[in-house]
Amino acid sequence: MIRITQQRAKCIGCNACVEADAFRWRISRRDGKCTLVHGVEKKNFYSVLVGDDEYESNVRAAANCPVNIIKVEKIRA
């Protein structure tokens, strides 16, 4: 399993994560920031557990993020 974490408050809405994985990331119409699809908020961090098949695209999303607010880590289920 993979855990994806985003510190959304620091997002600048550049769309780089959406370009890397349009299935897991969306731009919010409300505030223009990127949103982690199905992310659960806890203390201003959004996180979601996903399958291993999403690892590569989300590592690219994290690498492309100019403000480095996305973390992708493999975890044991």
PDB file of N, CA and C in Angstrom:
ATOM      1  N   MET A   1       0.836  -1.190   0.000  1.00  0.00           N
ATOM      2  CA  MET A   1       0.000   0.000   0.000  1.00  0.00           C
ATOM      3  C   MET A   1       0.876   1.246   0.000  1.00  0.00           C
ATOM      4  N   ILE A   2       0.270   2.322  -0.441  1.00  0.00           N
ATOM      5  CA  ILE A   2       0.944   3.606  -0.533  1.00  0.00           C
ATOM      6  C   ILE A   2       0.146   4.632   0.275  1.00  0.00           C
ATOM      7  N   ARG A   3       0.857   5.464   1.023  1.00  0.00           N
ATOM      8  CA  ARG A   3       0.223   6.591   1.708  1.00  0.00           C
ATOM      9  C   ARG A   3       0.678   7.862   1.009  1.00  0.00           C
ATOM     10  N   ILE A   4      -0.298   8.657   0.579  1.00  0.00           N
ATOM     11  CA  ILE A   4      -0.016   9.945  -0.031  1.00  0.00           C
ATOM     12  C   ILE A   4      -0.470  11.009   0.958  1.00  0.00           C
ATOM     13  N   THR A   5       0.401  11.970   1.228  1.00  0.00           N
ATOM     14  CA  THR A   5       0.091  13.036   2.174  1.00  0.00           C
ATOM     15  C   THR A   5       0.332  14.382   1.499  1.00  0.00           C
ATOM     16  N   GLN A   6      -0.556  15.329   1.749  1.00  0.00           N
ATOM     17  CA  GLN A   6      -0.450  16.663   1.177  1.00  0.00           C
ATOM     18  C   GLN A   6      -0.699  17.704   2.260  1.00  0.00           C
ATOM     19  N   GLN A   7       0.120  18.745   2.273  1.00  0.00           N
ATOM     20  CA  GLN A   7      -0.094  19.881   3.164  1.00  0.00           C
ATOM     21  C   GLN A   7      -0.795  20.961   2.327  1.00  0.00           C
ATOM     22  N   ARG A   8      -2.099  20.833   2.211  1.00  0.00           N
ATOM     23  CA  ARG A   8      -2.885  21.620   1.257  1.00  0.00           C
ATOM     24  C   ARG A   8      -2.818  23.126   1.494  1.00  0.00           C
ATOM     25  N   ALA A   9      -2.686  23.564   2.723  1.00  0.00           N
ATOM     26  CA  ALA A   9      -2.679  24.997   3.026  1.00  0.00           C
ATOM     27  C   ALA A   9      -1.539  25.726   2.309  1.00  0.00           C
ATOM     28  N   LYS A  10      -0.458  25.013   2.010  1.00  0.00           N
ATOM     29  CA  LYS A  10       0.695  25.629   1.347  1.00  0.00           C
ATOM     30  C   LYS A  10       0.664  25.477  -0.172  1.00  0.00           C
ATOM     31  N   CYS A  11      -0.402  24.871  -0.699  1.00  0.00           N
ATOM     32  CA  CYS A  11      -0.521  24.658  -2.142  1.00  0.00           C
ATOM     33  C   CYS A  11      -0.654  25.995  -2.869  1.00  0.00           C
ATOM     34  N   ILE A  12       0.040  26.111  -4.021  1.00  0.00           N
ATOM     35  CA  ILE A  12      -0.063  27.327  -4.827  1.00  0.00           C
ATOM     36  C   ILE A  12      -0.919  27.117  -6.074  1.00  0.00           C
ATOM     37  N   GLY A  13      -1.474  25.918  -6.246  1.00  0.00           N
ATOM     38  CA  GLY A  13      -2.371  25.648  -7.354  1.00  0.00           C
ATOM     39  C   GLY A  13      -1.715  25.641  -8.720  1.00  0.00           C
ATOM     40  N   CYS A  14      -0.497  25.147  -8.814  1.00  0.00           N
ATOM     41  CA  CYS A  14       0.248  25.183 -10.075  1.00  0.00           C
ATOM     42  C   CYS A  14      -0.190  24.100 -11.063  1.00  0.00           C
ATOM     43  N   ASN A  15      -0.910  23.080 -10.603  1.00  0.00           N
ATOM     44  CA  ASN A  15      -1.455  22.015 -11.448  1.00  0.00           C
ATOM     45  C   ASN A  15      -0.436  20.922 -11.796  1.00  0.00           C
ATOM     46  N   ALA A  16       0.767  20.964 -11.271  1.00  0.00           N
ATOM     47  CA  ALA A  16       1.788  19.967 -11.612  1.00  0.00           C
ATOM     48  C   ALA A  16       1.381  18.568 -11.169  1.00  0.00           C
ATOM     49  N   CYS A  17       0.762  18.431 -10.015  1.00  0.00           N
ATOM     50  CA  CYS A  17       0.343  17.117  -9.536  1.00  0.00           C
ATOM     51  C   CYS A  17      -0.793  16.565 -10.393  1.00  0.00           C
ATOM     52  N   VAL A  18      -1.689  17.421 -10.828  1.00  0.00           N
ATOM     53  CA  VAL A  18      -2.808  16.992 -11.669  1.00  0.00           C
ATOM     54  C   VAL A  18      -2.279  16.469 -13.006  1.00  0.00           C
ATOM     55  N   GLU A  19      -1.271  17.121 -13.553  1.00  0.00           N
ATOM     56  CA  GLU A  19      -0.674  16.671 -14.808  1.00  0.00           C
ATOM     57  C   GLU A  19       0.004  15.311 -14.650  1.00  0.00           C
ATOM     58  N   ALA A  20       0.558  15.039 -13.479  1.00  0.00           N
ATOM     59  CA  ALA A  20       1.232  13.762 -13.229  1.00  0.00           C
ATOM     60  C   ALA A  20       0.231  12.631 -12.982  1.00  0.00           C
ATOM     61  N   ASP A  21      -0.882  12.920 -12.311  1.00  0.00           N
ATOM     62  CA  ASP A  21      -1.885  11.895 -12.008  1.00  0.00           C
ATOM     63  C   ASP A  21      -3.269  12.542 -11.873  1.00  0.00           C
ATOM     64  N   ALA A  22      -3.956  12.656 -12.984  1.00  0.00           N
ATOM     65  CA  ALA A  22      -5.273  13.305 -12.997  1.00  0.00           C
ATOM     66  C   ALA A  22      -6.342  12.489 -12.274  1.00  0.00           C
ATOM     67  N   PHE A  23      -6.080  11.210 -12.017  1.00  0.00           N
ATOM     68  CA  PHE A  23      -7.028  10.375 -11.286  1.00  0.00           C
ATOM     69  C   PHE A  23      -7.032  10.724  -9.797  1.00  0.00           C
ATOM     70  N   ARG A  24      -5.863  11.021  -9.226  1.00  0.00           N
ATOM     71  CA  ARG A  24      -5.734  11.231  -7.781  1.00  0.00           C
ATOM     72  C   ARG A  24      -5.761  12.709  -7.382  1.00  0.00           C
ATOM     73  N   TRP A  25      -5.540  13.632  -8.327  1.00  0.00           N
ATOM     74  CA  TRP A  25      -5.456  15.060  -8.009  1.00  0.00           C
ATOM     75  C   TRP A  25      -6.444  15.865  -8.838  1.00  0.00           C
ATOM     76  N   ARG A  26      -7.020  16.900  -8.226  1.00  0.00           N
ATOM     77  CA  ARG A  26      -7.953  17.805  -8.906  1.00  0.00           C
ATOM     78  C   ARG A  26      -7.670  19.238  -8.434  1.00  0.00           C
ATOM     79  N   ILE A  27      -8.014  20.196  -9.285  1.00  0.00           N
ATOM     80  CA  ILE A  27      -7.958  21.601  -8.896  1.00  0.00           C
ATOM     81  C   ILE A  27      -9.336  21.982  -8.357  1.00  0.00           C
ATOM     82  N   SER A  28      -9.364  22.589  -7.187  1.00  0.00           N
ATOM     83  CA  SER A  28     -10.621  23.011  -6.575  1.00  0.00           C
ATOM     84  C   SER A  28     -11.147  24.265  -7.262  1.00  0.00           C
ATOM     85  N   ARG A  29     -12.412  24.251  -7.623  1.00  0.00           N
ATOM     86  CA  ARG A  29     -13.034  25.449  -8.191  1.00  0.00           C
ATOM     87  C   ARG A  29     -13.236  26.512  -7.120  1.00  0.00           C
ATOM     88  N   ARG A  30     -13.312  26.086  -5.874  1.00  0.00           N
ATOM     89  CA  ARG A  30     -13.577  26.997  -4.766  1.00  0.00           C
ATOM     90  C   ARG A  30     -12.395  27.918  -4.479  1.00  0.00           C
ATOM     91  N   ASP A  31     -11.186  27.343  -4.388  1.00  0.00           N
ATOM     92  CA  ASP A  31     -10.042  28.174  -4.006  1.00  0.00           C
ATOM     93  C   ASP A  31      -8.832  28.052  -4.933  1.00  0.00           C
ATOM     94  N   GLY A  32      -8.923  27.228  -5.979  1.00  0.00           N
ATOM     95  CA  GLY A  32      -7.836  27.124  -6.946  1.00  0.00           C
ATOM     96  C   GLY A  32      -6.661  26.277  -6.517  1.00  0.00           C
ATOM     97  N   LYS A  33      -6.768  25.628  -5.359  1.00  0.00           N
ATOM     98  CA  LYS A  33      -5.682  24.773  -4.867  1.00  0.00           C
ATOM     99  C   LYS A  33      -5.908  23.331  -5.305  1.00  0.00           C
ATOM    100  N   CYS A  34      -4.840  22.568  -5.337  1.00  0.00           N
ATOM    101  CA  CYS A  34      -4.948  21.157  -5.695  1.00  0.00           C
ATOM    102  C   CYS A  34      -5.526  20.372  -4.523  1.00  0.00           C
ATOM    103  N   THR A  35      -6.367  19.409  -4.861  1.00  0.00           N
ATOM    104  CA  THR A  35      -7.044  18.597  -3.867  1.00  0.00           C
ATOM    105  C   THR A  35      -6.683  17.133  -4.069  1.00  0.00           C
ATOM    106  N   LEU A  36      -6.321  16.466  -2.995  1.00  0.00           N
ATOM    107  CA  LEU A  36      -6.046  15.036  -3.012  1.00  0.00           C
ATOM    108  C   LEU A  36      -7.382  14.298  -2.986  1.00  0.00           C
ATOM    109  N   VAL A  37      -7.721  13.625  -4.082  1.00  0.00           N
ATOM    110  CA  VAL A  37      -9.011  12.945  -4.199  1.00  0.00           C
ATOM    111  C   VAL A  37      -9.125  11.861  -3.128  1.00  0.00           C
ATOM    112  N   HIS A  38     -10.197  11.892  -2.368  1.00  0.00           N
ATOM    113  CA  HIS A  38     -10.496  10.998  -1.245  1.00  0.00           C
ATOM    114  C   HIS A  38      -9.562  11.208  -0.053  1.00  0.00           C
ATOM    115  N   GLY A  39      -8.841  12.309  -0.031  1.00  0.00           N
ATOM    116  CA  GLY A  39      -7.958  12.612   1.096  1.00  0.00           C
ATOM    117  C   GLY A  39      -8.753  12.968   2.336  1.00  0.00           C
ATOM    118  N   VAL A  40      -8.282  12.513   3.479  1.00  0.00           N
ATOM    119  CA  VAL A  40      -8.920  12.793   4.765  1.00  0.00           C
ATOM    120  C   VAL A  40      -8.043  13.788   5.516  1.00  0.00           C
ATOM    121  N   GLU A  41      -8.651  14.877   5.996  1.00  0.00           N
ATOM    122  CA  GLU A  41      -7.911  15.947   6.661  1.00  0.00           C
ATOM    123  C   GLU A  41      -7.697  15.651   8.140  1.00  0.00           C
ATOM    124  N   LYS A  42      -6.471  15.890   8.595  1.00  0.00           N
ATOM    125  CA  LYS A  42      -6.132  15.782  10.011  1.00  0.00           C
ATOM    126  C   LYS A  42      -4.999  16.755  10.282  1.00  0.00           C
ATOM    127  N   LYS A  43      -5.286  17.775  11.083  1.00  0.00           N
ATOM    128  CA  LYS A  43      -4.300  18.788  11.449  1.00  0.00           C
ATOM    129  C   LYS A  43      -3.654  19.440  10.226  1.00  0.00           C
ATOM    130  N   ASN A  44      -4.480  19.860   9.286  1.00  0.00           N
ATOM    131  CA  ASN A  44      -4.063  20.546   8.060  1.00  0.00           C
ATOM    132  C   ASN A  44      -3.261  19.691   7.078  1.00  0.00           C
ATOM    133  N   PHE A  45      -3.231  18.400   7.272  1.00  0.00           N
ATOM    134  CA  PHE A  45      -2.615  17.475   6.329  1.00  0.00           C
ATOM    135  C   PHE A  45      -3.722  16.570   5.794  1.00  0.00           C
ATOM    136  N   TYR A  46      -3.701  16.331   4.498  1.00  0.00           N
ATOM    137  CA  TYR A  46      -4.650  15.418   3.865  1.00  0.00           C
ATOM    138  C   TYR A  46      -3.896  14.156   3.489  1.00  0.00           C
ATOM    139  N   SER A  47      -4.485  13.000   3.751  1.00  0.00           N
ATOM    140  CA  SER A  47      -3.810  11.749   3.395  1.00  0.00           C
ATOM    141  C   SER A  47      -4.823  10.710   2.936  1.00  0.00           C
ATOM    142  N   VAL A  48      -4.310   9.760   2.138  1.00  0.00           N
ATOM    143  CA  VAL A  48      -5.129   8.685   1.609  1.00  0.00           C
ATOM    144  C   VAL A  48      -4.234   7.470   1.419  1.00  0.00           C
ATOM    145  N   LEU A  49      -4.806   6.283   1.629  1.00  0.00           N
ATOM    146  CA  LEU A  49      -4.110   5.027   1.355  1.00  0.00           C
ATOM    147  C   LEU A  49      -4.596   4.509   0.012  1.00  0.00           C
ATOM    148  N   VAL A  50      -3.654   4.148  -0.851  1.00  0.00           N
ATOM    149  CA  VAL A  50      -3.992   3.660  -2.194  1.00  0.00           C
ATOM    150  C   VAL A  50      -3.165   2.422  -2.504  1.00  0.00           C
ATOM    151  N   GLY A  51      -3.494   1.777  -3.604  1.00  0.00           N
ATOM    152  CA  GLY A  51      -2.765   0.587  -4.041  1.00  0.00           C
ATOM    153  C   GLY A  51      -1.408   0.922  -4.636  1.00  0.00           C
ATOM    154  N   ASP A  52      -0.577  -0.100  -4.734  1.00  0.00           N
ATOM    155  CA  ASP A  52       0.775   0.061  -5.266  1.00  0.00           C
ATOM    156  C   ASP A  52       0.787   0.551  -6.710  1.00  0.00           C
ATOM    157  N   ASP A  53      -0.289   0.334  -7.444  1.00  0.00           N
ATOM    158  CA  ASP A  53      -0.340   0.747  -8.841  1.00  0.00           C
ATOM    159  C   ASP A  53      -0.288   2.266  -9.026  1.00  0.00           C
ATOM    160  N   GLU A  54      -0.537   3.024  -7.963  1.00  0.00           N
ATOM    161  CA  GLU A  54      -0.502   4.490  -8.053  1.00  0.00           C
ATOM    162  C   GLU A  54       0.839   5.085  -7.617  1.00  0.00           C
ATOM    163  N   TYR A  55       1.781   4.251  -7.281  1.00  0.00           N
ATOM    164  CA  TYR A  55       3.058   4.731  -6.739  1.00  0.00           C
ATOM    165  C   TYR A  55       3.814   5.623  -7.728  1.00  0.00           C
ATOM    166  N   GLU A  56       4.079   5.135  -8.922  1.00  0.00           N
ATOM    167  CA  GLU A  56       4.916   5.856  -9.891  1.00  0.00           C
ATOM    168  C   GLU A  56       4.350   7.238 -10.228  1.00  0.00           C
ATOM    169  N   SER A  57       3.071   7.302 -10.534  1.00  0.00           N
ATOM    170  CA  SER A  57       2.481   8.580 -10.935  1.00  0.00           C
ATOM    171  C   SER A  57       2.478   9.589  -9.789  1.00  0.00           C
ATOM    172  N   ASN A  58       2.305   9.123  -8.566  1.00  0.00           N
ATOM    173  CA  ASN A  58       2.291  10.055  -7.439  1.00  0.00           C
ATOM    174  C   ASN A  58       3.682  10.448  -6.977  1.00  0.00           C
ATOM    175  N   VAL A  59       4.672   9.611  -7.219  1.00  0.00           N
ATOM    176  CA  VAL A  59       6.062  10.023  -6.985  1.00  0.00           C
ATOM    177  C   VAL A  59       6.397  11.153  -7.958  1.00  0.00           C
ATOM    178  N   ARG A  60       5.921  11.039  -9.208  1.00  0.00           N
ATOM    179  CA  ARG A  60       6.110  12.120 -10.182  1.00  0.00           C
ATOM    180  C   ARG A  60       5.390  13.389  -9.720  1.00  0.00           C
ATOM    181  N   ALA A  61       4.173  13.234  -9.190  1.00  0.00           N
ATOM    182  CA  ALA A  61       3.427  14.393  -8.685  1.00  0.00           C
ATOM    183  C   ALA A  61       4.205  15.088  -7.569  1.00  0.00           C
ATOM    184  N   ALA A  62       4.758  14.309  -6.663  1.00  0.00           N
ATOM    185  CA  ALA A  62       5.541  14.876  -5.561  1.00  0.00           C
ATOM    186  C   ALA A  62       6.804  15.556  -6.073  1.00  0.00           C
ATOM    187  N   ALA A  63       7.474  14.931  -7.028  1.00  0.00           N
ATOM    188  CA  ALA A  63       8.708  15.503  -7.579  1.00  0.00           C
ATOM    189  C   ALA A  63       8.434  16.797  -8.342  1.00  0.00           C
ATOM    190  N   ASN A  64       7.278  16.872  -9.004  1.00  0.00           N
ATOM    191  CA  ASN A  64       6.929  18.055  -9.794  1.00  0.00           C
ATOM    192  C   ASN A  64       6.435  19.223  -8.948  1.00  0.00           C
ATOM    193  N   CYS A  65       6.038  18.960  -7.713  1.00  0.00           N
ATOM    194  CA  CYS A  65       5.472  20.009  -6.850  1.00  0.00           C
ATOM    195  C   CYS A  65       6.550  21.041  -6.496  1.00  0.00           C
ATOM    196  N   PRO A  66       6.375  22.304  -6.912  1.00  0.00           N
ATOM    197  CA  PRO A  66       7.412  23.313  -6.646  1.00  0.00           C
ATOM    198  C   PRO A  66       7.518  23.738  -5.182  1.00  0.00           C
ATOM    199  N   VAL A  67       6.500  23.460  -4.378  1.00  0.00           N
ATOM    200  CA  VAL A  67       6.555  23.837  -2.963  1.00  0.00           C
ATOM    201  C   VAL A  67       6.757  22.637  -2.041  1.00  0.00           C
ATOM    202  N   ASN A  68       6.973  21.452  -2.626  1.00  0.00           N
ATOM    203  CA  ASN A  68       7.303  20.226  -1.880  1.00  0.00           C
ATOM    204  C   ASN A  68       6.340  19.919  -0.734  1.00  0.00           C
ATOM    205  N   ILE A  69       5.051  19.884  -1.053  1.00  0.00           N
ATOM    206  CA  ILE A  69       4.047  19.622  -0.009  1.00  0.00           C
ATOM    207  C   ILE A  69       3.408  18.247  -0.151  1.00  0.00           C
ATOM    208  N   ILE A  70       3.913  17.421  -1.069  1.00  0.00           N
ATOM    209  CA  ILE A  70       3.372  16.080  -1.286  1.00  0.00           C
ATOM    210  C   ILE A  70       4.408  15.050  -0.879  1.00  0.00           C
ATOM    211  N   LYS A  71       3.967  14.072  -0.086  1.00  0.00           N
ATOM    212  CA  LYS A  71       4.845  12.989   0.370  1.00  0.00           C
ATOM    213  C   LYS A  71       4.201  11.656  -0.025  1.00  0.00           C
ATOM    214  N   VAL A  72       4.985  10.772  -0.607  1.00  0.00           N
ATOM    215  CA  VAL A  72       4.498   9.463  -1.014  1.00  0.00           C
ATOM    216  C   VAL A  72       5.385   8.409  -0.336  1.00  0.00           C
ATOM    217  N   GLU A  73       4.764   7.475   0.381  1.00  0.00           N
ATOM    218  CA  GLU A  73       5.563   6.456   1.071  1.00  0.00           C
ATOM    219  C   GLU A  73       4.877   5.097   0.997  1.00  0.00           C
ATOM    220  N   LYS A  74       5.687   4.066   0.840  1.00  0.00           N
ATOM    221  CA  LYS A  74       5.172   2.700   0.862  1.00  0.00           C
ATOM    222  C   LYS A  74       5.026   2.283   2.312  1.00  0.00           C
ATOM    223  N   ILE A  75       3.891   1.644   2.618  1.00  0.00           N
ATOM    224  CA  ILE A  75       3.655   1.169   3.979  1.00  0.00           C
ATOM    225  C   ILE A  75       3.211  -0.287   3.929  1.00  0.00           C
ATOM    226  N   ARG A  76       3.290  -0.949   5.043  1.00  0.00           N
ATOM    227  CA  ARG A  76       2.791  -2.323   5.130  1.00  0.00           C
ATOM    228  C   ARG A  76       1.331  -2.304   5.515  1.00  0.00           C
ATOM    229  N   ALA A  77       0.567  -3.137   4.882  1.00  0.00           N
ATOM    230  CA  ALA A  77      -0.883  -3.173   5.148  1.00  0.00           C
ATOM    231  C   ALA A  77      -1.190  -4.003   6.383  1.00  0.00           C
TER     232      ALA A  77
END
